[in-house]
Amino acid sequence: MAELKLAKLPDRKMVRIAITVNQNLNQKLEAYADAYKSAYGDEEKVSDLIPFILEQFLDGDRKFNGRRRITGSDATHNFRG
């Protein structure tokens, strides 16, 4: 079968990850949620913002993304910096 112009859609399953953060980080996350509300007028829960904060951080990490390009894989769990 010929490939279509549109590539196969990525896996979009959500994965639940439970984390525990220290009080200082929790305060920063709550302050970020307040800043988000001030900037956009929309109130979002910290738990809803965290995935986007993490994705933004990972997308902005040049060394990490360079490594991903070199290996040609999203399987970067062996990344050693």
C-alpha atoms as a PDB file:
ATOM      1  CA  MET A   1       0.000   0.000   0.000  1.00  0.00           C
ATOM      2  CA  ALA A   2       1.340   3.439  -0.926  1.00  0.00           C
ATOM      3  CA  GLU A   3       2.061   5.828   1.898  1.00  0.00           C
ATOM      4  CA  LEU A   4      -0.252   8.794   2.224  1.00  0.00           C
ATOM      5  CA  LYS A   5       0.981  12.365   2.313  1.00  0.00           C
ATOM      6  CA  LEU A   6      -0.263  12.555   5.905  1.00  0.00           C
ATOM      7  CA  ALA A   7       1.986  10.467   8.111  1.00  0.00           C
ATOM      8  CA  LYS A   8       0.542   8.027  10.578  1.00  0.00           C
ATOM      9  CA  LEU A   9      -0.717   9.922  13.601  1.00  0.00           C
ATOM     10  CA  PRO A  10       1.358   9.535  16.768  1.00  0.00           C
ATOM     11  CA  ASP A  11       0.200   7.599  19.778  1.00  0.00           C
ATOM     12  CA  ARG A  12      -2.015   9.925  21.727  1.00  0.00           C
ATOM     13  CA  LYS A  13      -2.664   7.801  24.769  1.00  0.00           C
ATOM     14  CA  MET A  14      -2.405   9.746  27.979  1.00  0.00           C
ATOM     15  CA  VAL A  15      -0.188   8.301  30.681  1.00  0.00           C
ATOM     16  CA  ARG A  16      -0.815   9.080  34.328  1.00  0.00           C
ATOM     17  CA  ILE A  17       2.301   9.860  36.332  1.00  0.00           C
ATOM     18  CA  ALA A  18       2.111  10.624  40.032  1.00  0.00           C
ATOM     19  CA  ILE A  19       4.795  12.903  41.455  1.00  0.00           C
ATOM     20  CA  THR A  20       5.594  14.410  44.820  1.00  0.00           C
ATOM     21  CA  VAL A  21       7.216  17.834  44.940  1.00  0.00           C
ATOM     22  CA  ASN A  22       8.745  19.796  47.776  1.00  0.00           C
ATOM     23  CA  GLN A  23       6.927  22.753  49.281  1.00  0.00           C
ATOM     24  CA  ASN A  24       9.150  25.286  47.520  1.00  0.00           C
ATOM     25  CA  LEU A  25       8.400  23.861  44.070  1.00  0.00           C
ATOM     26  CA  ASN A  26       4.700  23.653  44.890  1.00  0.00           C
ATOM     27  CA  GLN A  27       4.703  27.362  45.778  1.00  0.00           C
ATOM     28  CA  LYS A  28       6.455  28.176  42.502  1.00  0.00           C
ATOM     29  CA  LEU A  29       3.930  26.135  40.532  1.00  0.00           C
ATOM     30  CA  GLU A  30       1.032  27.865  42.279  1.00  0.00           C
ATOM     31  CA  ALA A  31       2.637  31.253  41.566  1.00  0.00           C
ATOM     32  CA  TYR A  32       3.008  30.224  37.920  1.00  0.00           C
ATOM     33  CA  ALA A  33      -0.676  29.293  37.786  1.00  0.00           C
ATOM     34  CA  ASP A  34      -1.496  32.756  39.189  1.00  0.00           C
ATOM     35  CA  ALA A  35       0.760  34.382  36.573  1.00  0.00           C
ATOM     36  CA  TYR A  36      -0.938  32.314  33.863  1.00  0.00           C
ATOM     37  CA  LYS A  37      -4.338  33.544  35.046  1.00  0.00           C
ATOM     38  CA  SER A  38      -3.101  37.158  35.028  1.00  0.00           C
ATOM     39  CA  ALA A  39      -1.639  36.789  31.546  1.00  0.00           C
ATOM     40  CA  TYR A  40      -4.510  34.943  29.872  1.00  0.00           C
ATOM     41  CA  GLY A  41      -7.546  35.453  32.116  1.00  0.00           C
ATOM     42  CA  ASP A  42      -8.072  31.697  32.360  1.00  0.00           C
ATOM     43  CA  GLU A  43      -7.677  29.877  35.639  1.00  0.00           C
ATOM     44  CA  GLU A  44      -5.906  26.545  35.203  1.00  0.00           C
ATOM     45  CA  LYS A  45      -5.063  23.988  37.844  1.00  0.00           C
ATOM     46  CA  VAL A  46      -1.386  23.379  38.488  1.00  0.00           C
ATOM     47  CA  SER A  47      -1.885  19.722  37.571  1.00  0.00           C
ATOM     48  CA  ASP A  48      -3.198  20.791  34.151  1.00  0.00           C
ATOM     49  CA  LEU A  49      -0.259  23.140  33.550  1.00  0.00           C
ATOM     50  CA  ILE A  50       2.530  20.727  34.537  1.00  0.00           C
ATOM     51  CA  PRO A  51       2.498  18.609  31.334  1.00  0.00           C
ATOM     52  CA  PHE A  52       2.797  21.741  29.203  1.00  0.00           C
ATOM     53  CA  ILE A  53       5.528  23.207  31.414  1.00  0.00           C
ATOM     54  CA  LEU A  54       7.497  19.966  31.111  1.00  0.00           C
ATOM     55  CA  GLU A  55       7.013  19.778  27.358  1.00  0.00           C
ATOM     56  CA  GLN A  56       8.143  23.404  26.965  1.00  0.00           C
ATOM     57  CA  PHE A  57      11.220  22.683  29.067  1.00  0.00           C
ATOM     58  CA  LEU A  58      12.138  19.566  27.089  1.00  0.00           C
ATOM     59  CA  ASP A  59      11.534  21.255  23.735  1.00  0.00           C
ATOM     60  CA  GLY A  60      13.846  24.088  24.783  1.00  0.00           C
ATOM     61  CA  ASP A  61      16.741  21.885  25.952  1.00  0.00           C
ATOM     62  CA  ARG A  62      19.236  22.062  23.083  1.00  0.00           C
ATOM     63  CA  LYS A  63      21.542  19.332  24.323  1.00  0.00           C
ATOM     64  CA  PHE A  64      18.680  16.920  24.890  1.00  0.00           C
ATOM     65  CA  ASN A  65      17.158  17.644  21.479  1.00  0.00           C
ATOM     66  CA  GLY A  66      20.548  17.362  19.786  1.00  0.00           C
ATOM     67  CA  ARG A  67      20.929  13.926  21.307  1.00  0.00           C
ATOM     68  CA  ARG A  68      17.481  12.947  20.065  1.00  0.00           C
ATOM     69  CA  ARG A  69      18.396  14.039  16.521  1.00  0.00           C
ATOM     70  CA  ILE A  70      21.656  12.071  16.618  1.00  0.00           C
ATOM     71  CA  THR A  71      20.004   8.865  17.828  1.00  0.00           C
ATOM     72  CA  GLY A  72      16.937   9.409  15.640  1.00  0.00           C
ATOM     73  CA  SER A  73      14.772   8.173  18.464  1.00  0.00           C
ATOM     74  CA  ASP A  74      12.497   9.411  21.198  1.00  0.00           C
ATOM     75  CA  ALA A  75      13.885   6.614  23.378  1.00  0.00           C
ATOM     76  CA  THR A  76      16.229   8.884  25.331  1.00  0.00           C
ATOM     77  CA  HIS A  77      15.947   7.204  28.706  1.00  0.00           C
ATOM     78  CA  ASN A  78      19.646   6.285  28.437  1.00  0.00           C
ATOM     79  CA  PHE A  79      20.659   9.930  27.980  1.00  0.00           C
ATOM     80  CA  ARG A  80      23.685  10.675  30.149  1.00  0.00           C
ATOM     81  CA  GLY A  81      24.182  14.361  29.310  1.00  0.00           C
END
